Amino acid sequence: MFTGEYHHNLDAKGRLIIPVRFREGLGTEFTVTRALDGCLAMYASTEWQALEAKLTALPMTNEKARSLKRFLLGSATTCELDKQGRILIPQVLREKASLDKDITLLGVGDHVEIWNSDKYNEKYNFDDEAALEADWEGLGV
């Protein structure tokens, strides 16, 4: 399970250091794809294969299923760590997630999210604890 928040910089070539704690769970080869809310997601091979199997099983006759496949599978790329523990994020994915220099990596259970730090902080500042409490109660947490 991935947990924790880390801050790193994207270099001029689009490479990102993956924290050691995340590397251990991801392995040397894993998948990066678009995710909801404007970020990217990194999946370990086993998690990605399970998700891919679910997506493949969706009916091609369903328009929403086709759209979801295009969104996730169409942007998926296999990444490998270099000797410095970095990955190269393709330009098209960097653009989709508005990744520039300051990056937030967030462990969210079965995957890791890659955020533009400003975008993440603006969207999820968690200042309203009363609203969080109500949301948690509504989810049964």
C-alpha atoms as a PDB file:
ATOM      1  CA  MET A   1       0.000   0.000   0.000  1.00  0.00           C
ATOM      2  CA  PHE A   2       1.264   3.439  -0.940  1.00  0.00           C
ATOM      3  CA  THR A   3       1.018   6.237   1.620  1.00  0.00           C
ATOM      4  CA  GLY A   4       2.722   9.546   2.212  1.00  0.00           C
ATOM      5  CA  GLU A   5       3.399  12.843   0.485  1.00  0.00           C
ATOM      6  CA  TYR A   6       6.687  13.778  -1.151  1.00  0.00           C
ATOM      7  CA  HIS A   7       7.887  16.870  -3.007  1.00  0.00           C
ATOM      8  CA  HIS A   8      10.364  16.741  -5.878  1.00  0.00           C
ATOM      9  CA  ASN A   9      11.281  18.751  -8.942  1.00  0.00           C
ATOM     10  CA  LEU A  10      10.798  17.771 -12.549  1.00  0.00           C
ATOM     11  CA  ASP A  11      14.050  18.406 -14.407  1.00  0.00           C
ATOM     12  CA  ALA A  12      14.321  20.135 -17.798  1.00  0.00           C
ATOM     13  CA  LYS A  13      14.164  16.780 -19.621  1.00  0.00           C
ATOM     14  CA  GLY A  14      10.946  15.722 -17.873  1.00  0.00           C
ATOM     15  CA  ARG A  15      12.564  13.312 -15.407  1.00  0.00           C
ATOM     16  CA  LEU A  16      11.208  12.849 -11.906  1.00  0.00           C
ATOM     17  CA  ILE A  17      12.861  11.237  -8.891  1.00  0.00           C
ATOM     18  CA  ILE A  18      10.655   8.551  -7.370  1.00  0.00           C
ATOM     19  CA  PRO A  19      10.980   8.375  -3.562  1.00  0.00           C
ATOM     20  CA  VAL A  20      12.680   5.214  -2.285  1.00  0.00           C
ATOM     21  CA  ARG A  21       9.588   4.259  -0.310  1.00  0.00           C
ATOM     22  CA  PHE A  22       7.504   4.257  -3.499  1.00  0.00           C
ATOM     23  CA  ARG A  23      10.198   2.489  -5.545  1.00  0.00           C
ATOM     24  CA  GLU A  24       9.997  -0.490  -3.214  1.00  0.00           C
ATOM     25  CA  GLY A  25       6.283  -0.971  -3.984  1.00  0.00           C
ATOM     26  CA  LEU A  26       6.448  -0.092  -7.672  1.00  0.00           C
ATOM     27  CA  GLY A  27       9.374  -2.284  -8.657  1.00  0.00           C
ATOM     28  CA  THR A  28      11.704  -1.436 -11.522  1.00  0.00           C
ATOM     29  CA  GLU A  29       8.991  -1.302 -14.203  1.00  0.00           C
ATOM     30  CA  PHE A  30       5.497   0.153 -13.749  1.00  0.00           C
ATOM     31  CA  THR A  31       2.757   2.041 -15.570  1.00  0.00           C
ATOM     32  CA  VAL A  32       2.020   5.773 -15.589  1.00  0.00           C
ATOM     33  CA  THR A  33      -1.267   7.040 -16.992  1.00  0.00           C
ATOM     34  CA  ARG A  34      -3.756   9.873 -16.718  1.00  0.00           C
ATOM     35  CA  ALA A  35      -5.957   9.952 -13.655  1.00  0.00           C
ATOM     36  CA  LEU A  36      -9.053  11.782 -12.554  1.00  0.00           C
ATOM     37  CA  ASP A  37      -8.822  15.286 -11.051  1.00  0.00           C
ATOM     38  CA  GLY A  38      -5.997  16.397 -13.372  1.00  0.00           C
ATOM     39  CA  CYS A  39      -3.085  14.332 -12.095  1.00  0.00           C
ATOM     40  CA  LEU A  40      -1.190  11.250 -13.267  1.00  0.00           C
ATOM     41  CA  ALA A  41      -1.186   7.839 -11.594  1.00  0.00           C
ATOM     42  CA  MET A  42       1.598   5.266 -11.213  1.00  0.00           C
ATOM     43  CA  TYR A  43       0.619   1.614 -10.822  1.00  0.00           C
ATOM     44  CA  ALA A  44       2.828  -1.342  -9.923  1.00  0.00           C
ATOM     45  CA  SER A  45       2.660  -4.069 -12.568  1.00  0.00           C
ATOM     46  CA  THR A  46       0.301  -6.301 -10.583  1.00  0.00           C
ATOM     47  CA  GLU A  47      -2.143  -3.467  -9.849  1.00  0.00           C
ATOM     48  CA  TRP A  48      -2.024  -2.278 -13.445  1.00  0.00           C
ATOM     49  CA  GLN A  49      -2.665  -5.777 -14.800  1.00  0.00           C
ATOM     50  CA  ALA A  50      -5.723  -6.106 -12.548  1.00  0.00           C
ATOM     51  CA  LEU A  51      -7.079  -2.732 -13.692  1.00  0.00           C
ATOM     52  CA  GLU A  52      -6.293  -3.523 -17.316  1.00  0.00           C
ATOM     53  CA  ALA A  53      -8.195  -6.832 -17.051  1.00  0.00           C
ATOM     54  CA  LYS A  54     -11.250  -5.005 -15.688  1.00  0.00           C
ATOM     55  CA  LEU A  55     -11.082  -2.462 -18.499  1.00  0.00           C
ATOM     56  CA  THR A  56     -10.652  -5.138 -21.154  1.00  0.00           C
ATOM     57  CA  ALA A  57     -13.739  -6.945 -19.857  1.00  0.00           C
ATOM     58  CA  LEU A  58     -15.941  -3.881 -20.369  1.00  0.00           C
ATOM     59  CA  PRO A  59     -18.326  -4.106 -23.336  1.00  0.00           C
ATOM     60  CA  MET A  60     -17.171  -2.337 -26.487  1.00  0.00           C
ATOM     61  CA  THR A  61     -20.822  -1.513 -27.199  1.00  0.00           C
ATOM     62  CA  ASN A  62     -20.968   0.803 -24.184  1.00  0.00           C
ATOM     63  CA  GLU A  63     -19.924   4.371 -25.012  1.00  0.00           C
ATOM     64  CA  LYS A  64     -18.826   5.164 -21.434  1.00  0.00           C
ATOM     65  CA  ALA A  65     -16.695   2.017 -21.337  1.00  0.00           C
ATOM     66  CA  ARG A  66     -14.983   2.997 -24.590  1.00  0.00           C
ATOM     67  CA  SER A  67     -14.357   6.484 -23.224  1.00  0.00           C
ATOM     68  CA  LEU A  68     -12.836   5.139 -20.007  1.00  0.00           C
ATOM     69  CA  LYS A  69     -10.570   2.791 -21.968  1.00  0.00           C
ATOM     70  CA  ARG A  70      -9.402   5.659 -24.151  1.00  0.00           C
ATOM     71  CA  PHE A  71      -8.717   7.820 -21.118  1.00  0.00           C
ATOM     72  CA  LEU A  72      -6.717   5.238 -19.130  1.00  0.00           C
ATOM     73  CA  LEU A  73      -5.274   2.826 -21.686  1.00  0.00           C
ATOM     74  CA  GLY A  74      -4.714   5.394 -24.415  1.00  0.00           C
ATOM     75  CA  SER A  75      -2.388   7.439 -22.249  1.00  0.00           C
ATOM     76  CA  ALA A  76      -0.690   4.569 -20.389  1.00  0.00           C
ATOM     77  CA  THR A  77       3.051   4.172 -20.690  1.00  0.00           C
ATOM     78  CA  THR A  78       5.502   1.740 -19.141  1.00  0.00           C
ATOM     79  CA  CYS A  79       8.246   3.431 -17.153  1.00  0.00           C
ATOM     80  CA  GLU A  80      11.543   2.102 -15.883  1.00  0.00           C
ATOM     81  CA  LEU A  81      13.715   3.609 -13.194  1.00  0.00           C
ATOM     82  CA  ASP A  82      17.138   4.842 -14.251  1.00  0.00           C
ATOM     83  CA  LYS A  83      20.222   4.435 -12.029  1.00  0.00           C
ATOM     84  CA  GLN A  84      19.322   7.617 -10.109  1.00  0.00           C
ATOM     85  CA  GLY A  85      15.790   6.397  -9.340  1.00  0.00           C
ATOM     86  CA  ARG A  86      14.139   8.675 -11.904  1.00  0.00           C
ATOM     87  CA  ILE A  87      11.543   8.141 -14.602  1.00  0.00           C
ATOM     88  CA  LEU A  88      10.971  10.079 -17.783  1.00  0.00           C
ATOM     89  CA  ILE A  89       7.407  11.319 -17.990  1.00  0.00           C
ATOM     90  CA  PRO A  90       6.383  11.677 -21.651  1.00  0.00           C
ATOM     91  CA  GLN A  91       5.667  15.218 -22.822  1.00  0.00           C
ATOM     92  CA  VAL A  92       2.013  14.477 -23.617  1.00  0.00           C
ATOM     93  CA  LEU A  93       1.399  13.284 -20.036  1.00  0.00           C
ATOM     94  CA  ARG A  94       3.272  16.255 -18.574  1.00  0.00           C
ATOM     95  CA  GLU A  95       0.995  18.555 -20.562  1.00  0.00           C
ATOM     96  CA  LYS A  96      -2.214  16.711 -19.584  1.00  0.00           C
ATOM     97  CA  ALA A  97      -1.355  17.052 -15.881  1.00  0.00           C
ATOM     98  CA  SER A  98       0.162  20.564 -16.182  1.00  0.00           C
ATOM     99  CA  LEU A  99       3.442  19.298 -14.732  1.00  0.00           C
ATOM    100  CA  ASP A 100       6.191  21.873 -14.761  1.00  0.00           C
ATOM    101  CA  LYS A 101       8.781  22.072 -11.999  1.00  0.00           C
ATOM    102  CA  ASP A 102       7.323  21.546  -8.507  1.00  0.00           C
ATOM    103  CA  ILE A 103       5.767  18.098  -8.165  1.00  0.00           C
ATOM    104  CA  THR A 104       3.830  16.438  -5.334  1.00  0.00           C
ATOM    105  CA  LEU A 105       3.808  12.647  -5.205  1.00  0.00           C
ATOM    106  CA  LEU A 106       0.995  11.232  -3.110  1.00  0.00           C
ATOM    107  CA  GLY A 107       0.522   7.625  -2.014  1.00  0.00           C
ATOM    108  CA  VAL A 108      -3.189   6.787  -2.169  1.00  0.00           C
ATOM    109  CA  GLY A 109      -3.400   3.082  -1.458  1.00  0.00           C
ATOM    110  CA  ASP A 110      -3.098   1.004  -4.623  1.00  0.00           C
ATOM    111  CA  HIS A 111      -1.278   3.674  -6.648  1.00  0.00           C
ATOM    112  CA  VAL A 112       0.761   6.880  -6.488  1.00  0.00           C
ATOM    113  CA  GLU A 113      -0.545  10.190  -7.819  1.00  0.00           C
ATOM    114  CA  ILE A 114       1.730  12.730  -9.520  1.00  0.00           C
ATOM    115  CA  TRP A 115       0.509  16.311  -9.152  1.00  0.00           C
ATOM    116  CA  ASN A 116       1.536  19.782 -10.162  1.00  0.00           C
ATOM    117  CA  SER A 117       2.168  21.045  -6.610  1.00  0.00           C
ATOM    118  CA  ASP A 118       0.337  24.345  -7.048  1.00  0.00           C
ATOM    119  CA  LYS A 119      -2.686  22.583  -8.531  1.00  0.00           C
ATOM    120  CA  TYR A 120      -2.753  20.016  -5.706  1.00  0.00           C
ATOM    121  CA  ASN A 121      -2.404  22.632  -2.947  1.00  0.00           C
ATOM    122  CA  GLU A 122      -5.120  24.796  -4.489  1.00  0.00           C
ATOM    123  CA  LYS A 123      -7.551  21.919  -4.857  1.00  0.00           C
ATOM    124  CA  TYR A 124      -6.793  20.013  -1.646  1.00  0.00           C
ATOM    125  CA  ASN A 125      -5.739  22.302   1.167  1.00  0.00           C
ATOM    126  CA  PHE A 126      -7.922  20.421   3.712  1.00  0.00           C
ATOM    127  CA  ASP A 127      -8.525  23.577   5.765  1.00  0.00           C
ATOM    128  CA  ASP A 128     -12.221  22.873   6.327  1.00  0.00           C
ATOM    129  CA  GLU A 129     -12.162  20.089   8.910  1.00  0.00           C
ATOM    130  CA  ALA A 130     -15.918  20.243   9.469  1.00  0.00           C
ATOM    131  CA  ALA A 131     -16.518  19.469   5.792  1.00  0.00           C
ATOM    132  CA  LEU A 132     -13.980  16.636   5.955  1.00  0.00           C
ATOM    133  CA  GLU A 133     -15.714  15.194   8.987  1.00  0.00           C
ATOM    134  CA  ALA A 134     -19.081  15.302   7.212  1.00  0.00           C
ATOM    135  CA  ASP A 135     -17.579  13.636   4.130  1.00  0.00           C
ATOM    136  CA  TRP A 136     -16.025  10.870   6.227  1.00  0.00           C
ATOM    137  CA  GLU A 137     -19.288  10.224   8.024  1.00  0.00           C
ATOM    138  CA  GLY A 138     -21.103  10.140   4.685  1.00  0.00           C
ATOM    139  CA  LEU A 139     -18.669   7.489   3.456  1.00  0.00           C
ATOM    140  CA  GLY A 140     -19.013   5.432   6.616  1.00  0.00           C
ATOM    141  CA  VAL A 141     -15.456   6.110   7.838  1.00  0.00           C
END
